[in-house]
Amino acid sequence: MRTVTNFFIASLAISDMLMAIVCIPFTFVASMVFQYFIPLLVLIYTYSLTKPHNC
């Protein structure tokens, strides 16, 4: 079963698994940071600018 087609299918399967292992965790973390962490920082920054200062 060592045909060109089988090697091609195997290389596609390996590249798909490598992409899933390498790329998906970084994409997940980046989406969580941009969706939750940055808006939270914006809210904290806005609150710190608008709250009354007791100086």
Protein backbone atom coordinates (compact mmCIF):
# COMPACT_ATOMS: atom_id res chain seq x y z
CA MET A 1 0.00 0.00 0.00
CA ARG A 2 2.91 2.37 -0.55
CA THR A 3 1.44 4.37 -3.36
CA VAL A 4 1.75 8.07 -4.05
CA THR A 5 -1.91 8.56 -3.15
CA ASN A 6 -1.50 6.93 0.27
CA PHE A 7 1.58 9.03 1.05
CA PHE A 8 -0.33 12.16 0.02
CA ILE A 9 -3.30 11.29 2.24
CA ALA A 10 -0.99 10.47 5.14
CA SER A 11 0.89 13.75 4.78
CA LEU A 12 -2.41 15.65 4.71
CA ALA A 13 -3.54 13.87 7.87
CA ILE A 14 -0.26 14.62 9.64
CA SER A 15 -0.35 18.28 8.64
CA ASP A 16 -3.95 18.58 9.87
CA MET A 17 -3.01 17.10 13.24
CA LEU A 18 0.02 19.37 13.56
CA MET A 19 -2.08 22.41 12.74
CA ALA A 20 -4.65 21.40 15.35
CA ILE A 21 -1.96 20.89 18.00
CA VAL A 22 -0.02 24.07 17.23
CA CYS A 23 -2.52 26.65 15.97
CA ILE A 24 -5.77 26.04 17.81
CA PRO A 25 -4.48 26.72 21.37
CA PHE A 26 -2.96 30.05 20.30
CA THR A 27 -6.14 31.02 18.47
CA PHE A 28 -8.21 30.17 21.54
CA VAL A 29 -6.02 32.21 23.87
CA ALA A 30 -5.94 35.18 21.49
CA SER A 31 -9.71 35.18 21.11
CA MET A 32 -10.20 35.02 24.90
CA VAL A 33 -7.79 37.91 25.42
CA PHE A 34 -9.41 40.10 22.80
CA GLN A 35 -12.96 39.20 23.81
CA TYR A 36 -12.73 39.41 27.61
CA PHE A 37 -9.45 40.81 28.91
CA ILE A 38 -9.10 43.95 26.76
CA PRO A 39 -12.72 45.12 27.32
CA LEU A 40 -12.16 44.61 31.05
CA LEU A 41 -9.04 46.78 30.89
CA VAL A 42 -10.99 49.43 28.99
CA LEU A 43 -13.70 49.43 31.68
CA ILE A 44 -11.14 49.74 34.46
CA TYR A 45 -9.33 52.54 32.65
CA THR A 46 -12.57 54.39 31.95
CA TYR A 47 -13.65 54.04 35.56
CA SER A 48 -10.31 55.32 36.78
CA LEU A 49 -10.67 58.41 34.59
CA THR A 50 -14.26 59.20 35.55
CA LYS A 51 -14.34 58.48 39.29
CA PRO A 52 -14.04 61.48 41.61
CA HIS A 53 -10.56 61.97 42.96
CA ASN A 54 -10.11 62.82 46.61
CA CYS A 55 -6.96 64.89 46.44
